[in-house]
Structures are given as structure tokens and as C-alpha cells.
Amino acid sequence: PEGTRTKPTEVKEFNKGAAMLATSANVPILPVVHNAGYAWPSKSF
């Protein structure tokens, strides 16, 4: 829902696409969070 990768310390607004799809299709949302950006940073070798 952030639309693109963010840094672990960055806070970005979530878009409503997931909620729109879930309500339209009448299925639940399964939310997941993680902190993988510290060990595998985006765009970093």
C-alpha cells in the first residue's frame, strides 16, 4: 500500500487500493509488517 519501497525509518501514506479490492470482492485483508530493510536494504549491494 505504500506503492514503492521505503526506508525503514520512513513513514509513507498507505493508499486505499487494498481496501477497495477487499470490499469489492468481499474477501478479508491479511496484514503483514516486517523490518527487512535493515538487513537487505533497497538498492544496496
PDB file of all heavy atoms in Angstrom:
ATOM      1  N   PRO A   1       0.785  -1.237   0.000  1.00  0.00           N
ATOM      2  CA  PRO A   1       0.000   0.000   0.000  1.00  0.00           C
ATOM      3  C   PRO A   1       0.816   1.285   0.000  1.00  0.00           C
ATOM      4  O   PRO A   1       0.274   2.352  -0.263  1.00  0.00           O
ATOM      5  CB  PRO A   1      -0.850  -0.121   1.277  1.00  0.00           C
ATOM      6  CG  PRO A   1      -0.102  -1.070   2.143  1.00  0.00           C
ATOM      7  CD  PRO A   1       0.566  -2.027   1.217  1.00  0.00           C
ATOM      8  N   GLU A   2       2.117   1.180   0.266  1.00  0.00           N
ATOM      9  CA  GLU A   2       2.965   2.372   0.153  1.00  0.00           C
ATOM     10  C   GLU A   2       3.252   2.709  -1.310  1.00  0.00           C
ATOM     11  O   GLU A   2       3.677   3.811  -1.617  1.00  0.00           O
ATOM     12  CB  GLU A   2       4.272   2.156   0.920  1.00  0.00           C
ATOM     13  CG  GLU A   2       4.078   2.090   2.422  1.00  0.00           C
ATOM     14  CD  GLU A   2       5.207   1.365   3.121  1.00  0.00           C
ATOM     15  OE1 GLU A   2       5.616   0.289   2.630  1.00  0.00           O
ATOM     16  OE2 GLU A   2       5.682   1.863   4.154  1.00  0.00           O
ATOM     17  N   GLY A   3       3.044   1.733  -2.192  1.00  0.00           N
ATOM     18  CA  GLY A   3       3.216   1.967  -3.620  1.00  0.00           C
ATOM     19  C   GLY A   3       4.617   1.740  -4.125  1.00  0.00           C
ATOM     20  O   GLY A   3       4.820   1.377  -5.285  1.00  0.00           O
ATOM     21  N   THR A   4       5.617   1.939  -3.286  1.00  0.00           N
ATOM     22  CA  THR A   4       7.004   1.747  -3.674  1.00  0.00           C
ATOM     23  C   THR A   4       7.814   1.454  -2.421  1.00  0.00           C
ATOM     24  O   THR A   4       7.310   1.577  -1.293  1.00  0.00           O
ATOM     25  CB  THR A   4       7.554   2.991  -4.387  1.00  0.00           C
ATOM     26  OG1 THR A   4       8.860   2.723  -4.901  1.00  0.00           O
ATOM     27  CG2 THR A   4       7.634   4.181  -3.430  1.00  0.00           C
ATOM     28  N   ARG A   5       9.074   1.070  -2.575  1.00  0.00           N
ATOM     29  CA  ARG A   5       9.893   0.762  -1.407  1.00  0.00           C
ATOM     30  C   ARG A   5      10.210   2.025  -0.607  1.00  0.00           C
ATOM     31  O   ARG A   5      10.420   3.088  -1.168  1.00  0.00           O
ATOM     32  CB  ARG A   5      11.196   0.080  -1.825  1.00  0.00           C
ATOM     33  CG  ARG A   5      10.993  -1.309  -2.416  1.00  0.00           C
ATOM     34  CD  ARG A   5      12.327  -2.036  -2.551  1.00  0.00           C
ATOM     35  NE  ARG A   5      12.149  -3.305  -3.227  1.00  0.00           N
ATOM     36  CZ  ARG A   5      12.417  -3.515  -4.498  1.00  0.00           C
ATOM     37  NH1 ARG A   5      12.890  -2.538  -5.240  1.00  0.00           N
ATOM     38  NH2 ARG A   5      12.220  -4.690  -5.051  1.00  0.00           N
ATOM     39  N   THR A   6      10.255   1.852   0.696  1.00  0.00           N
ATOM     40  CA  THR A   6      10.585   2.962   1.584  1.00  0.00           C
ATOM     41  C   THR A   6      11.721   2.538   2.519  1.00  0.00           C
ATOM     42  O   THR A   6      11.950   1.341   2.741  1.00  0.00           O
ATOM     43  CB  THR A   6       9.378   3.370   2.445  1.00  0.00           C
ATOM     44  OG1 THR A   6       8.976   2.247   3.236  1.00  0.00           O
ATOM     45  CG2 THR A   6       8.208   3.809   1.577  1.00  0.00           C
ATOM     46  N   LYS A   7      12.417   3.503   3.070  1.00  0.00           N
ATOM     47  CA  LYS A   7      13.452   3.213   4.067  1.00  0.00           C
ATOM     48  C   LYS A   7      12.773   2.807   5.376  1.00  0.00           C
ATOM     49  O   LYS A   7      11.643   3.230   5.659  1.00  0.00           O
ATOM     50  CB  LYS A   7      14.325   4.443   4.271  1.00  0.00           C
ATOM     51  CG  LYS A   7      15.117   4.835   3.034  1.00  0.00           C
ATOM     52  CD  LYS A   7      15.945   6.081   3.293  1.00  0.00           C
ATOM     53  CE  LYS A   7      16.724   6.471   2.042  1.00  0.00           C
ATOM     54  NZ  LYS A   7      17.534   7.706   2.249  1.00  0.00           N
ATOM     55  N   PRO A   8      13.455   1.990   6.190  1.00  0.00           N
ATOM     56  CA  PRO A   8      12.831   1.519   7.430  1.00  0.00           C
ATOM     57  C   PRO A   8      12.351   2.641   8.349  1.00  0.00           C
ATOM     58  O   PRO A   8      11.382   2.463   9.090  1.00  0.00           O
ATOM     59  CB  PRO A   8      13.953   0.706   8.102  1.00  0.00           C
ATOM     60  CG  PRO A   8      14.802   0.236   6.968  1.00  0.00           C
ATOM     61  CD  PRO A   8      14.774   1.351   5.964  1.00  0.00           C
ATOM     62  N   THR A   9      13.020   3.767   8.307  1.00  0.00           N
ATOM     63  CA  THR A   9      12.637   4.883   9.187  1.00  0.00           C
ATOM     64  C   THR A   9      11.639   5.831   8.536  1.00  0.00           C
ATOM     65  O   THR A   9      11.181   6.780   9.170  1.00  0.00           O
ATOM     66  CB  THR A   9      13.886   5.681   9.583  1.00  0.00           C
ATOM     67  OG1 THR A   9      14.571   6.115   8.389  1.00  0.00           O
ATOM     68  CG2 THR A   9      14.843   4.833  10.411  1.00  0.00           C
ATOM     69  N   GLU A  10      11.285   5.578   7.283  1.00  0.00           N
ATOM     70  CA  GLU A  10      10.398   6.472   6.531  1.00  0.00           C
ATOM     71  C   GLU A  10       8.935   6.080   6.745  1.00  0.00           C
ATOM     72  O   GLU A  10       8.591   4.899   6.750  1.00  0.00           O
ATOM     73  CB  GLU A  10      10.754   6.405   5.053  1.00  0.00           C
ATOM     74  CG  GLU A  10       9.968   7.352   4.168  1.00  0.00           C
ATOM     75  CD  GLU A  10      10.377   7.232   2.706  1.00  0.00           C
ATOM     76  OE1 GLU A  10      11.314   6.465   2.401  1.00  0.00           O
ATOM     77  OE2 GLU A  10       9.752   7.907   1.873  1.00  0.00           O
ATOM     78  N   VAL A  11       8.093   7.070   6.912  1.00  0.00           N
ATOM     79  CA  VAL A  11       6.664   6.845   7.055  1.00  0.00           C
ATOM     80  C   VAL A  11       5.966   7.405   5.824  1.00  0.00           C
ATOM     81  O   VAL A  11       6.086   8.587   5.513  1.00  0.00           O
ATOM     82  CB  VAL A  11       6.095   7.516   8.324  1.00  0.00           C
ATOM     83  CG1 VAL A  11       4.587   7.323   8.383  1.00  0.00           C
ATOM     84  CG2 VAL A  11       6.761   6.948   9.569  1.00  0.00           C
ATOM     85  N   LYS A  12       5.272   6.540   5.110  1.00  0.00           N
ATOM     86  CA  LYS A  12       4.590   6.958   3.888  1.00  0.00           C
ATOM     87  C   LYS A  12       3.118   6.566   3.971  1.00  0.00           C
ATOM     88  O   LYS A  12       2.770   5.518   4.507  1.00  0.00           O
ATOM     89  CB  LYS A  12       5.245   6.299   2.668  1.00  0.00           C
ATOM     90  CG  LYS A  12       4.766   6.847   1.339  1.00  0.00           C
ATOM     91  CD  LYS A  12       5.600   6.283   0.189  1.00  0.00           C
ATOM     92  CE  LYS A  12       5.143   6.863  -1.134  1.00  0.00           C
ATOM     93  NZ  LYS A  12       5.919   6.332  -2.268  1.00  0.00           N
ATOM     94  N   GLU A  13       2.274   7.398   3.435  1.00  0.00           N
ATOM     95  CA  GLU A  13       0.831   7.142   3.482  1.00  0.00           C
ATOM     96  C   GLU A  13       0.468   5.872   2.722  1.00  0.00           C
ATOM     97  O   GLU A  13       1.004   5.592   1.650  1.00  0.00           O
ATOM     98  CB  GLU A  13       0.089   8.343   2.887  1.00  0.00           C
ATOM     99  CG  GLU A  13      -1.423   8.228   2.968  1.00  0.00           C
ATOM    100  CD  GLU A  13      -2.135   9.444   2.388  1.00  0.00           C
ATOM    101  OE1 GLU A  13      -1.432  10.389   1.981  1.00  0.00           O
ATOM    102  OE2 GLU A  13      -3.365   9.436   2.330  1.00  0.00           O
ATOM    103  N   PHE A  14      -0.445   5.095   3.273  1.00  0.00           N
ATOM    104  CA  PHE A  14      -0.955   3.895   2.606  1.00  0.00           C
ATOM    105  C   PHE A  14      -2.103   4.288   1.684  1.00  0.00           C
ATOM    106  O   PHE A  14      -3.007   5.028   2.087  1.00  0.00           O
ATOM    107  CB  PHE A  14      -1.486   2.883   3.625  1.00  0.00           C
ATOM    108  CG  PHE A  14      -0.426   2.278   4.510  1.00  0.00           C
ATOM    109  CD1 PHE A  14      -0.755   1.800   5.773  1.00  0.00           C
ATOM    110  CD2 PHE A  14       0.880   2.166   4.087  1.00  0.00           C
ATOM    111  CE1 PHE A  14       0.199   1.232   6.595  1.00  0.00           C
ATOM    112  CE2 PHE A  14       1.848   1.591   4.895  1.00  0.00           C
ATOM    113  CZ  PHE A  14       1.512   1.126   6.155  1.00  0.00           C
ATOM    114  N   ASN A  15      -2.067   3.779   0.442  1.00  0.00           N
ATOM    115  CA  ASN A  15      -3.200   4.040  -0.443  1.00  0.00           C
ATOM    116  C   ASN A  15      -4.336   3.056  -0.141  1.00  0.00           C
ATOM    117  O   ASN A  15      -4.148   2.061   0.551  1.00  0.00           O
ATOM    118  CB  ASN A  15      -2.772   3.975  -1.915  1.00  0.00           C
ATOM    119  CG  ASN A  15      -2.316   2.595  -2.341  1.00  0.00           C
ATOM    120  OD1 ASN A  15      -3.040   1.618  -2.207  1.00  0.00           O
ATOM    121  ND2 ASN A  15      -1.091   2.502  -2.863  1.00  0.00           N
ATOM    122  N   LYS A  16      -5.521   3.353  -0.688  1.00  0.00           N
ATOM    123  CA  LYS A  16      -6.719   2.584  -0.353  1.00  0.00           C
ATOM    124  C   LYS A  16      -7.018   1.451  -1.329  1.00  0.00           C
ATOM    125  O   LYS A  16      -8.075   0.820  -1.247  1.00  0.00           O
ATOM    126  CB  LYS A  16      -7.928   3.517  -0.270  1.00  0.00           C
ATOM    127  CG  LYS A  16      -7.849   4.514   0.885  1.00  0.00           C
ATOM    128  CD  LYS A  16      -9.132   5.339   0.987  1.00  0.00           C
ATOM    129  CE  LYS A  16      -9.079   6.293   2.176  1.00  0.00           C
ATOM    130  NZ  LYS A  16     -10.326   7.098   2.300  1.00  0.00           N
ATOM    131  N   GLY A  17      -6.097   1.170  -2.247  1.00  0.00           N
ATOM    132  CA  GLY A  17      -6.351   0.139  -3.244  1.00  0.00           C
ATOM    133  C   GLY A  17      -6.666  -1.226  -2.653  1.00  0.00           C
ATOM    134  O   GLY A  17      -7.569  -1.929  -3.116  1.00  0.00           O
ATOM    135  N   ALA A  18      -5.945  -1.620  -1.609  1.00  0.00           N
ATOM    136  CA  ALA A  18      -6.166  -2.931  -0.996  1.00  0.00           C
ATOM    137  C   ALA A  18      -7.556  -3.018  -0.378  1.00  0.00           C
ATOM    138  O   ALA A  18      -8.267  -4.016  -0.544  1.00  0.00           O
ATOM    139  CB  ALA A  18      -5.096  -3.202   0.058  1.00  0.00           C
ATOM    140  N   ALA A  19      -7.949  -1.966   0.329  1.00  0.00           N
ATOM    141  CA  ALA A  19      -9.274  -1.962   0.958  1.00  0.00           C
ATOM    142  C   ALA A  19     -10.382  -1.934  -0.082  1.00  0.00           C
ATOM    143  O   ALA A  19     -11.429  -2.575   0.084  1.00  0.00           O
ATOM    144  CB  ALA A  19      -9.396  -0.763   1.897  1.00  0.00           C
ATOM    145  N   MET A  20     -10.165  -1.206  -1.166  1.00  0.00           N
ATOM    146  CA  MET A  20     -11.162  -1.157  -2.235  1.00  0.00           C
ATOM    147  C   MET A  20     -11.370  -2.528  -2.858  1.00  0.00           C
ATOM    148  O   MET A  20     -12.493  -2.960  -3.096  1.00  0.00           O
ATOM    149  CB  MET A  20     -10.741  -0.134  -3.295  1.00  0.00           C
ATOM    150  CG  MET A  20     -10.792   1.307  -2.836  1.00  0.00           C
ATOM    151  SD  MET A  20     -10.238   2.464  -4.114  1.00  0.00           S
ATOM    152  CE  MET A  20     -11.560   2.279  -5.311  1.00  0.00           C
ATOM    153  N   LEU A  21     -10.264  -3.220  -3.127  1.00  0.00           N
ATOM    154  CA  LEU A  21     -10.363  -4.549  -3.718  1.00  0.00           C
ATOM    155  C   LEU A  21     -11.029  -5.531  -2.752  1.00  0.00           C
ATOM    156  O   LEU A  21     -11.892  -6.317  -3.145  1.00  0.00           O
ATOM    157  CB  LEU A  21      -8.979  -5.061  -4.119  1.00  0.00           C
ATOM    158  CG  LEU A  21      -8.915  -6.490  -4.666  1.00  0.00           C
ATOM    159  CD1 LEU A  21      -9.793  -6.645  -5.906  1.00  0.00           C
ATOM    160  CD2 LEU A  21      -7.468  -6.879  -4.988  1.00  0.00           C
ATOM    161  N   ALA A  22     -10.641  -5.480  -1.483  1.00  0.00           N
ATOM    162  CA  ALA A  22     -11.193  -6.417  -0.498  1.00  0.00           C
ATOM    163  C   ALA A  22     -12.690  -6.233  -0.311  1.00  0.00           C
ATOM    164  O   ALA A  22     -13.444  -7.216  -0.261  1.00  0.00           O
ATOM    165  CB  ALA A  22     -10.469  -6.250   0.834  1.00  0.00           C
ATOM    166  N   THR A  23     -13.145  -4.976  -0.220  1.00  0.00           N
ATOM    167  CA  THR A  23     -14.581  -4.746  -0.033  1.00  0.00           C
ATOM    168  C   THR A  23     -15.357  -5.104  -1.294  1.00  0.00           C
ATOM    169  O   THR A  23     -16.459  -5.653  -1.217  1.00  0.00           O
ATOM    170  CB  THR A  23     -14.853  -3.281   0.347  1.00  0.00           C
ATOM    171  OG1 THR A  23     -14.220  -2.404  -0.607  1.00  0.00           O
ATOM    172  CG2 THR A  23     -14.318  -2.956   1.727  1.00  0.00           C
ATOM    173  N   SER A  24     -14.788  -4.814  -2.452  1.00  0.00           N
ATOM    174  CA  SER A  24     -15.465  -5.119  -3.707  1.00  0.00           C
ATOM    175  C   SER A  24     -15.586  -6.627  -3.936  1.00  0.00           C
ATOM    176  O   SER A  24     -16.611  -7.116  -4.408  1.00  0.00           O
ATOM    177  CB  SER A  24     -14.721  -4.468  -4.875  1.00  0.00           C
ATOM    178  OG  SER A  24     -15.331  -4.775  -6.103  1.00  0.00           O
ATOM    179  N   ALA A  25     -14.520  -7.360  -3.589  1.00  0.00           N
ATOM    180  CA  ALA A  25     -14.514  -8.812  -3.808  1.00  0.00           C
ATOM    181  C   ALA A  25     -15.048  -9.580  -2.602  1.00  0.00           C
ATOM    182  O   ALA A  25     -15.173 -10.810  -2.653  1.00  0.00           O
ATOM    183  CB  ALA A  25     -13.096  -9.278  -4.114  1.00  0.00           C
ATOM    184  N   ASN A  26     -15.343  -8.856  -1.510  1.00  0.00           N
ATOM    185  CA  ASN A  26     -15.858  -9.466  -0.284  1.00  0.00           C
ATOM    186  C   ASN A  26     -14.913 -10.540   0.260  1.00  0.00           C
ATOM    187  O   ASN A  26     -15.316 -11.656   0.597  1.00  0.00           O
ATOM    188  CB  ASN A  26     -17.250 -10.050  -0.498  1.00  0.00           C
ATOM    189  CG  ASN A  26     -17.964 -10.346   0.820  1.00  0.00           C
ATOM    190  OD1 ASN A  26     -17.702  -9.697   1.820  1.00  0.00           O
ATOM    191  ND2 ASN A  26     -18.856 -11.333   0.804  1.00  0.00           N
ATOM    192  N   VAL A  27     -13.629 -10.178   0.331  1.00  0.00           N
ATOM    193  CA  VAL A  27     -12.627 -11.059   0.924  1.00  0.00           C
ATOM    194  C   VAL A  27     -11.909 -10.275   2.022  1.00  0.00           C
ATOM    195  O   VAL A  27     -11.910  -9.046   2.023  1.00  0.00           O
ATOM    196  CB  VAL A  27     -11.606 -11.561  -0.116  1.00  0.00           C
ATOM    197  CG1 VAL A  27     -12.293 -12.352  -1.220  1.00  0.00           C
ATOM    198  CG2 VAL A  27     -10.802 -10.408  -0.704  1.00  0.00           C
ATOM    199  N   PRO A  28     -11.283 -10.969   2.967  1.00  0.00           N
ATOM    200  CA  PRO A  28     -10.599 -10.255   4.045  1.00  0.00           C
ATOM    201  C   PRO A  28      -9.223  -9.732   3.633  1.00  0.00           C
ATOM    202  O   PRO A  28      -8.656 -10.147   2.619  1.00  0.00           O
ATOM    203  CB  PRO A  28     -10.456 -11.326   5.137  1.00  0.00           C
ATOM    204  CG  PRO A  28     -10.408 -12.612   4.387  1.00  0.00           C
ATOM    205  CD  PRO A  28     -11.294 -12.429   3.180  1.00  0.00           C
ATOM    206  N   ILE A  29      -8.713  -8.841   4.446  1.00  0.00           N
ATOM    207  CA  ILE A  29      -7.335  -8.370   4.324  1.00  0.00           C
ATOM    208  C   ILE A  29      -6.483  -9.129   5.334  1.00  0.00           C
ATOM    209  O   ILE A  29      -6.885  -9.323   6.481  1.00  0.00           O
ATOM    210  CB  ILE A  29      -7.244  -6.852   4.582  1.00  0.00           C
ATOM    211  CG1 ILE A  29      -7.709  -6.072   3.345  1.00  0.00           C
ATOM    212  CG2 ILE A  29      -5.824  -6.437   4.961  1.00  0.00           C
ATOM    213  CD1 ILE A  29      -7.670  -4.564   3.513  1.00  0.00           C
ATOM    214  N   LEU A  30      -5.325  -9.581   4.903  1.00  0.00           N
ATOM    215  CA  LEU A  30      -4.351 -10.183   5.812  1.00  0.00           C
ATOM    216  C   LEU A  30      -3.146  -9.248   5.874  1.00  0.00           C
ATOM    217  O   LEU A  30      -2.385  -9.155   4.907  1.00  0.00           O
ATOM    218  CB  LEU A  30      -3.930 -11.569   5.331  1.00  0.00           C
ATOM    219  CG  LEU A  30      -2.923 -12.305   6.230  1.00  0.00           C
ATOM    220  CD1 LEU A  30      -3.548 -12.585   7.594  1.00  0.00           C
ATOM    221  CD2 LEU A  30      -2.465 -13.605   5.590  1.00  0.00           C
ATOM    222  N   PRO A  31      -2.946  -8.526   6.982  1.00  0.00           N
ATOM    223  CA  PRO A  31      -1.860  -7.556   7.065  1.00  0.00           C
ATOM    224  C   PRO A  31      -0.552  -8.178   7.557  1.00  0.00           C
ATOM    225  O   PRO A  31      -0.551  -9.079   8.404  1.00  0.00           O
ATOM    226  CB  PRO A  31      -2.395  -6.534   8.070  1.00  0.00           C
ATOM    227  CG  PRO A  31      -3.240  -7.365   9.003  1.00  0.00           C
ATOM    228  CD  PRO A  31      -3.833  -8.473   8.157  1.00  0.00           C
ATOM    229  N   VAL A  32       0.549  -7.679   7.020  1.00  0.00           N
ATOM    230  CA  VAL A  32       1.883  -8.165   7.379  1.00  0.00           C
ATOM    231  C   VAL A  32       2.817  -6.970   7.539  1.00  0.00           C
ATOM    232  O   VAL A  32       2.746  -6.016   6.751  1.00  0.00           O
ATOM    233  CB  VAL A  32       2.440  -9.104   6.282  1.00  0.00           C
ATOM    234  CG1 VAL A  32       3.880  -9.484   6.568  1.00  0.00           C
ATOM    235  CG2 VAL A  32       1.581 -10.352   6.143  1.00  0.00           C
ATOM    236  N   VAL A  33       3.692  -7.020   8.537  1.00  0.00           N
ATOM    237  CA  VAL A  33       4.724  -5.993   8.687  1.00  0.00           C
ATOM    238  C   VAL A  33       6.068  -6.673   8.949  1.00  0.00           C
ATOM    239  O   VAL A  33       6.117  -7.814   9.422  1.00  0.00           O
ATOM    240  CB  VAL A  33       4.411  -4.995   9.818  1.00  0.00           C
ATOM    241  CG1 VAL A  33       3.123  -4.235   9.537  1.00  0.00           C
ATOM    242  CG2 VAL A  33       4.336  -5.689  11.170  1.00  0.00           C
ATOM    243  N   HIS A  34       7.142  -5.979   8.651  1.00  0.00           N
ATOM    244  CA  HIS A  34       8.486  -6.543   8.824  1.00  0.00           C
ATOM    245  C   HIS A  34       9.505  -5.406   8.872  1.00  0.00           C
ATOM    246  O   HIS A  34       9.176  -4.244   8.585  1.00  0.00           O
ATOM    247  CB  HIS A  34       8.819  -7.471   7.647  1.00  0.00           C
ATOM    248  CG  HIS A  34       8.833  -6.744   6.348  1.00  0.00           C
ATOM    249  ND1 HIS A  34       9.962  -6.126   5.854  1.00  0.00           N
ATOM    250  CD2 HIS A  34       7.845  -6.475   5.451  1.00  0.00           C
ATOM    251  CE1 HIS A  34       9.668  -5.514   4.715  1.00  0.00           C
ATOM    252  NE2 HIS A  34       8.382  -5.713   4.451  1.00  0.00           N
ATOM    253  N   ASN A  35      10.739  -5.759   9.185  1.00  0.00           N
ATOM    254  CA  ASN A  35      11.829  -4.771   9.202  1.00  0.00           C
ATOM    255  C   ASN A  35      12.999  -5.215   8.333  1.00  0.00           C
ATOM    256  O   ASN A  35      14.176  -4.984   8.663  1.00  0.00           O
ATOM    257  CB  ASN A  35      12.295  -4.520  10.637  1.00  0.00           C
ATOM    258  CG  ASN A  35      12.859  -5.782  11.300  1.00  0.00           C
ATOM    259  OD1 ASN A  35      12.669  -6.898  10.804  1.00  0.00           O
ATOM    260  ND2 ASN A  35      13.549  -5.620  12.420  1.00  0.00           N
ATOM    261  N   ALA A  36      12.712  -5.842   7.198  1.00  0.00           N
ATOM    262  CA  ALA A  36      13.750  -6.414   6.336  1.00  0.00           C
ATOM    263  C   ALA A  36      14.684  -5.369   5.736  1.00  0.00           C
ATOM    264  O   ALA A  36      15.792  -5.699   5.314  1.00  0.00           O
ATOM    265  CB  ALA A  36      13.099  -7.217   5.203  1.00  0.00           C
ATOM    266  N   GLY A  37      14.264  -4.117   5.699  1.00  0.00           N
ATOM    267  CA  GLY A  37      15.085  -3.081   5.085  1.00  0.00           C
ATOM    268  C   GLY A  37      16.403  -2.835   5.779  1.00  0.00           C
ATOM    269  O   GLY A  37      17.325  -2.276   5.180  1.00  0.00           O
ATOM    270  N   TYR A  38      16.524  -3.258   7.030  1.00  0.00           N
ATOM    271  CA  TYR A  38      17.797  -3.087   7.740  1.00  0.00           C
ATOM    272  C   TYR A  38      18.832  -4.108   7.268  1.00  0.00           C
ATOM    273  O   TYR A  38      20.001  -3.777   7.083  1.00  0.00           O
ATOM    274  CB  TYR A  38      17.588  -3.227   9.247  1.00  0.00           C
ATOM    275  CG  TYR A  38      16.837  -2.078   9.874  1.00  0.00           C
ATOM    276  CD1 TYR A  38      15.518  -2.251  10.292  1.00  0.00           C
ATOM    277  CD2 TYR A  38      17.443  -0.844  10.061  1.00  0.00           C
ATOM    278  CE1 TYR A  38      14.812  -1.208  10.877  1.00  0.00           C
ATOM    279  CE2 TYR A  38      16.739   0.209  10.642  1.00  0.00           C
ATOM    280  CZ  TYR A  38      15.430   0.026  11.043  1.00  0.00           C
ATOM    281  OH  TYR A  38      14.741   1.071  11.615  1.00  0.00           O
ATOM    282  N   ALA A  39      18.417  -5.369   7.090  1.00  0.00           N
ATOM    283  CA  ALA A  39      19.346  -6.427   6.691  1.00  0.00           C
ATOM    284  C   ALA A  39      19.532  -6.503   5.179  1.00  0.00           C
ATOM    285  O   ALA A  39      20.620  -6.828   4.695  1.00  0.00           O
ATOM    286  CB  ALA A  39      18.855  -7.778   7.218  1.00  0.00           C
ATOM    287  N   TRP A  40      18.465  -6.217   4.428  1.00  0.00           N
ATOM    288  CA  TRP A  40      18.535  -6.237   2.957  1.00  0.00           C
ATOM    289  C   TRP A  40      18.044  -4.878   2.474  1.00  0.00           C
ATOM    290  O   TRP A  40      16.903  -4.735   2.027  1.00  0.00           O
ATOM    291  CB  TRP A  40      17.676  -7.365   2.412  1.00  0.00           C
ATOM    292  CG  TRP A  40      17.759  -7.596   0.932  1.00  0.00           C
ATOM    293  CD1 TRP A  40      18.041  -6.677  -0.038  1.00  0.00           C
ATOM    294  CD2 TRP A  40      17.533  -8.835   0.232  1.00  0.00           C
ATOM    295  NE1 TRP A  40      18.001  -7.245  -1.280  1.00  0.00           N
ATOM    296  CE2 TRP A  40      17.701  -8.571  -1.148  1.00  0.00           C
ATOM    297  CE3 TRP A  40      17.192 -10.117   0.646  1.00  0.00           C
ATOM    298  CZ2 TRP A  40      17.535  -9.562  -2.110  1.00  0.00           C
ATOM    299  CZ3 TRP A  40      17.033 -11.100  -0.325  1.00  0.00           C
ATOM    300  CH2 TRP A  40      17.207 -10.838  -1.684  1.00  0.00           C
ATOM    301  N   PRO A  41      18.891  -3.864   2.551  1.00  0.00           N
ATOM    302  CA  PRO A  41      18.472  -2.513   2.163  1.00  0.00           C
ATOM    303  C   PRO A  41      18.131  -2.440   0.682  1.00  0.00           C
ATOM    304  O   PRO A  41      18.757  -3.096  -0.153  1.00  0.00           O
ATOM    305  CB  PRO A  41      19.692  -1.637   2.483  1.00  0.00           C
ATOM    306  CG  PRO A  41      20.534  -2.465   3.400  1.00  0.00           C
ATOM    307  CD  PRO A  41      20.284  -3.887   3.026  1.00  0.00           C
ATOM    308  N   SER A  42      17.135  -1.646   0.358  1.00  0.00           N
ATOM    309  CA  SER A  42      16.742  -1.467  -1.034  1.00  0.00           C
ATOM    310  C   SER A  42      17.871  -0.801  -1.821  1.00  0.00           C
ATOM    311  O   SER A  42      18.524   0.125  -1.336  1.00  0.00           O
ATOM    312  CB  SER A  42      15.483  -0.601  -1.100  1.00  0.00           C
ATOM    313  OG  SER A  42      15.122  -0.334  -2.435  1.00  0.00           O
ATOM    314  N   LYS A  43      18.110  -1.319  -3.018  1.00  0.00           N
ATOM    315  CA  LYS A  43      19.104  -0.761  -3.935  1.00  0.00           C
ATOM    316  C   LYS A  43      20.512  -0.740  -3.350  1.00  0.00           C
ATOM    317  O   LYS A  43      21.321   0.134  -3.663  1.00  0.00           O
ATOM    318  CB  LYS A  43      18.699   0.654  -4.380  1.00  0.00           C
ATOM    319  CG  LYS A  43      17.371   0.718  -5.106  1.00  0.00           C
ATOM    320  CD  LYS A  43      17.011   2.144  -5.491  1.00  0.00           C
ATOM    321  CE  LYS A  43      15.656   2.198  -6.177  1.00  0.00           C
ATOM    322  NZ  LYS A  43      15.253   3.584  -6.541  1.00  0.00           N
ATOM    323  N   SER A  44      20.806  -1.698  -2.481  1.00  0.00           N
ATOM    324  CA  SER A  44      22.132  -1.788  -1.879  1.00  0.00           C
ATOM    325  C   SER A  44      22.726  -3.159  -2.145  1.00  0.00           C
ATOM    326  O   SER A  44      22.063  -4.178  -1.938  1.00  0.00           O
ATOM    327  CB  SER A  44      22.047  -1.536  -0.370  1.00  0.00           C
ATOM    328  OG  SER A  44      23.301  -1.771   0.250  1.00  0.00           O
ATOM    329  N   PHE A  45      23.965  -3.182  -2.596  1.00  0.00           N
ATOM    330  CA  PHE A  45      24.647  -4.456  -2.820  1.00  0.00           C
ATOM    331  C   PHE A  45      24.943  -5.145  -1.497  1.00  0.00           C
ATOM    332  O   PHE A  45      24.827  -6.363  -1.377  1.00  0.00           O
ATOM    333  CB  PHE A  45      25.954  -4.207  -3.578  1.00  0.00           C
ATOM    334  CG  PHE A  45      26.836  -5.412  -3.694  1.00  0.00           C
ATOM    335  CD1 PHE A  45      26.608  -6.363  -4.669  1.00  0.00           C
ATOM    336  CD2 PHE A  45      27.898  -5.605  -2.812  1.00  0.00           C
ATOM    337  CE1 PHE A  45      27.421  -7.487  -4.781  1.00  0.00           C
ATOM    338  CE2 PHE A  45      28.713  -6.722  -2.904  1.00  0.00           C
ATOM    339  CZ  PHE A  45      28.473  -7.662  -3.894  1.00  0.00           C
TER     340      PHE A  45
END
